[in-house]
Every structure is written in C-alpha cells, then in structure tokens.
C-alpha cells in the first residue's frame, strides 16, 4: 500500500522556514527551487510537486507538520533542539 503524502500549507512553509532560521535565498539554495517558486508556495499557490519537495526537505531537517485537526495547523520539531539550535 502506497504511503499518502502529507499536504502542507503556505503558512506551514513560512513557519518551518522561520523555525530553521532560513531566508528565501537560503531556502532556494538548499532546495534548488527558485525564489519566485518559494514565494508562490508561501501563498499556497503552485504545483503539488513543489509542496512535496519542500515537505521532504523540511522533514529531513527535523520538522514535523501538524495537520489542522480540530485546532490550527502548525509545525514542531521531531526532537527537542539542543541549545543554540532553537527554532521559532
């Protein structure tokens, strides 16, 4: 049975980017995506492949996406960050 991809929102992309302390130019460099593509994704626009690419990148960095499930959507880290590695 194929694993269903978790969908992420533009707001979650902004949260994850802030939690990792990344600017758009830095995120563009790390993901290979153009800054305009990132701007569209942050607005919730763009191709499903872009959102999947970003989700995989952020998950590899330790970000867990929390779906809207009776409360607001959000993010958290998979593990507690050590001092000097605090997120937002």
C-alpha atoms as a PDB file:
ATOM      1  CA  UNK A   1       0.000   0.000   0.000  1.00  0.00           C
ATOM      2  CA  UNK A   2       1.447   3.370  -1.005  1.00  0.00           C
ATOM      3  CA  UNK A   3       2.102   5.974   1.673  1.00  0.00           C
ATOM      4  CA  UNK A   4      -0.120   9.008   1.327  1.00  0.00           C
ATOM      5  CA  UNK A   5       1.804  12.282   1.159  1.00  0.00           C
ATOM      6  CA  UNK A   6       1.058  14.821   3.846  1.00  0.00           C
ATOM      7  CA  UNK A   7      -0.138  18.044   2.327  1.00  0.00           C
ATOM      8  CA  UNK A   8       1.338  21.264   3.697  1.00  0.00           C
ATOM      9  CA  UNK A   9       0.115  24.832   3.512  1.00  0.00           C
ATOM     10  CA  UNK A  10       1.802  28.105   2.710  1.00  0.00           C
ATOM     11  CA  UNK A  11       1.526  29.075   6.378  1.00  0.00           C
ATOM     12  CA  UNK A  12       3.334  25.880   7.403  1.00  0.00           C
ATOM     13  CA  UNK A  13       6.081  26.595   4.880  1.00  0.00           C
ATOM     14  CA  UNK A  14       6.568  30.038   6.431  1.00  0.00           C
ATOM     15  CA  UNK A  15       6.571  28.514   9.938  1.00  0.00           C
ATOM     16  CA  UNK A  16       9.127  25.847   9.006  1.00  0.00           C
ATOM     17  CA  UNK A  17      11.354  28.358   7.255  1.00  0.00           C
ATOM     18  CA  UNK A  18      11.276  30.654  10.312  1.00  0.00           C
ATOM     19  CA  UNK A  19      11.868  27.764  12.725  1.00  0.00           C
ATOM     20  CA  UNK A  20      15.006  26.817  10.817  1.00  0.00           C
ATOM     21  CA  UNK A  21      16.104  30.448  10.525  1.00  0.00           C
ATOM     22  CA  UNK A  22      16.154  30.365   6.732  1.00  0.00           C
ATOM     23  CA  UNK A  23      15.636  33.277   4.362  1.00  0.00           C
ATOM     24  CA  UNK A  24      14.134  32.725   0.912  1.00  0.00           C
ATOM     25  CA  UNK A  25      17.554  32.950  -0.771  1.00  0.00           C
ATOM     26  CA  UNK A  26      18.952  30.388   1.689  1.00  0.00           C
ATOM     27  CA  UNK A  27      15.977  28.054   1.224  1.00  0.00           C
ATOM     28  CA  UNK A  28      16.251  28.439  -2.554  1.00  0.00           C
ATOM     29  CA  UNK A  29      19.902  27.441  -2.435  1.00  0.00           C
ATOM     30  CA  UNK A  30      19.280  24.439  -0.168  1.00  0.00           C
ATOM     31  CA  UNK A  31      16.288  23.120  -2.131  1.00  0.00           C
ATOM     32  CA  UNK A  32      17.249  24.085  -5.673  1.00  0.00           C
ATOM     33  CA  UNK A  33      13.932  25.906  -6.093  1.00  0.00           C
ATOM     34  CA  UNK A  34      13.733  29.427  -7.487  1.00  0.00           C
ATOM     35  CA  UNK A  35      12.818  32.216  -5.050  1.00  0.00           C
ATOM     36  CA  UNK A  36       9.714  33.054  -7.103  1.00  0.00           C
ATOM     37  CA  UNK A  37       8.596  29.435  -6.756  1.00  0.00           C
ATOM     38  CA  UNK A  38       9.068  29.679  -2.984  1.00  0.00           C
ATOM     39  CA  UNK A  39       7.090  32.926  -2.860  1.00  0.00           C
ATOM     40  CA  UNK A  40       4.193  31.267  -4.703  1.00  0.00           C
ATOM     41  CA  UNK A  41       4.314  28.243  -2.381  1.00  0.00           C
ATOM     42  CA  UNK A  42       4.182  30.522   0.669  1.00  0.00           C
ATOM     43  CA  UNK A  43       0.976  31.998  -0.775  1.00  0.00           C
ATOM     44  CA  UNK A  44      -0.430  28.476  -1.159  1.00  0.00           C
ATOM     45  CA  UNK A  45      -0.011  28.548  -4.930  1.00  0.00           C
ATOM     46  CA  UNK A  46       1.993  26.232  -7.119  1.00  0.00           C
ATOM     47  CA  UNK A  47       2.418  22.659  -8.180  1.00  0.00           C
ATOM     48  CA  UNK A  48       1.924  19.656  -5.930  1.00  0.00           C
ATOM     49  CA  UNK A  49       5.488  18.565  -6.737  1.00  0.00           C
ATOM     50  CA  UNK A  50       6.816  21.819  -5.245  1.00  0.00           C
ATOM     51  CA  UNK A  51       4.929  21.287  -1.987  1.00  0.00           C
ATOM     52  CA  UNK A  52       6.112  17.680  -1.857  1.00  0.00           C
ATOM     53  CA  UNK A  53       9.720  18.763  -2.446  1.00  0.00           C
ATOM     54  CA  UNK A  54       9.512  21.336   0.342  1.00  0.00           C
ATOM     55  CA  UNK A  55       7.804  18.903   2.713  1.00  0.00           C
ATOM     56  CA  UNK A  56      10.561  16.344   2.183  1.00  0.00           C
ATOM     57  CA  UNK A  57      13.289  18.956   2.687  1.00  0.00           C
ATOM     58  CA  UNK A  58      11.781  20.262   5.920  1.00  0.00           C
ATOM     59  CA  UNK A  59      11.139  16.751   7.259  1.00  0.00           C
ATOM     60  CA  UNK A  60      14.779  15.857   6.600  1.00  0.00           C
ATOM     61  CA  UNK A  61      15.665  18.908   8.728  1.00  0.00           C
ATOM     62  CA  UNK A  62      13.562  17.550  11.609  1.00  0.00           C
ATOM     63  CA  UNK A  63      10.320  19.468  11.045  1.00  0.00           C
ATOM     64  CA  UNK A  64       7.037  17.637  11.649  1.00  0.00           C
ATOM     65  CA  UNK A  65       3.910  19.069  10.059  1.00  0.00           C
ATOM     66  CA  UNK A  66       0.843  19.087  12.300  1.00  0.00           C
ATOM     67  CA  UNK A  67      -2.395  18.978  10.317  1.00  0.00           C
ATOM     68  CA  UNK A  68      -5.447  21.033  11.140  1.00  0.00           C
ATOM     69  CA  UNK A  69      -7.357  18.552  13.267  1.00  0.00           C
ATOM     70  CA  UNK A  70      -9.763  20.458  15.460  1.00  0.00           C
ATOM     71  CA  UNK A  71      -7.092  23.096  16.043  1.00  0.00           C
ATOM     72  CA  UNK A  72      -4.772  25.234  13.994  1.00  0.00           C
ATOM     73  CA  UNK A  73      -2.282  23.643  11.630  1.00  0.00           C
ATOM     74  CA  UNK A  74       1.333  24.067  12.570  1.00  0.00           C
ATOM     75  CA  UNK A  75       4.765  22.532  12.858  1.00  0.00           C
ATOM     76  CA  UNK A  76       7.008  21.116  15.542  1.00  0.00           C
ATOM     77  CA  UNK A  77      10.444  19.567  15.674  1.00  0.00           C
ATOM     78  CA  UNK A  78      10.726  15.785  15.705  1.00  0.00           C
ATOM     79  CA  UNK A  79      13.232  16.035  18.579  1.00  0.00           C
ATOM     80  CA  UNK A  80      13.991  18.629  21.179  1.00  0.00           C
ATOM     81  CA  UNK A  81      16.555  21.027  19.767  1.00  0.00           C
ATOM     82  CA  UNK A  82      19.811  21.428  21.668  1.00  0.00           C
ATOM     83  CA  UNK A  83      20.930  24.832  22.949  1.00  0.00           C
ATOM     84  CA  UNK A  84      21.994  27.005  20.050  1.00  0.00           C
ATOM     85  CA  UNK A  85      19.620  25.081  17.770  1.00  0.00           C
ATOM     86  CA  UNK A  86      16.401  26.697  18.964  1.00  0.00           C
ATOM     87  CA  UNK A  87      13.615  27.111  16.476  1.00  0.00           C
ATOM     88  CA  UNK A  88      10.914  29.735  16.457  1.00  0.00           C
END
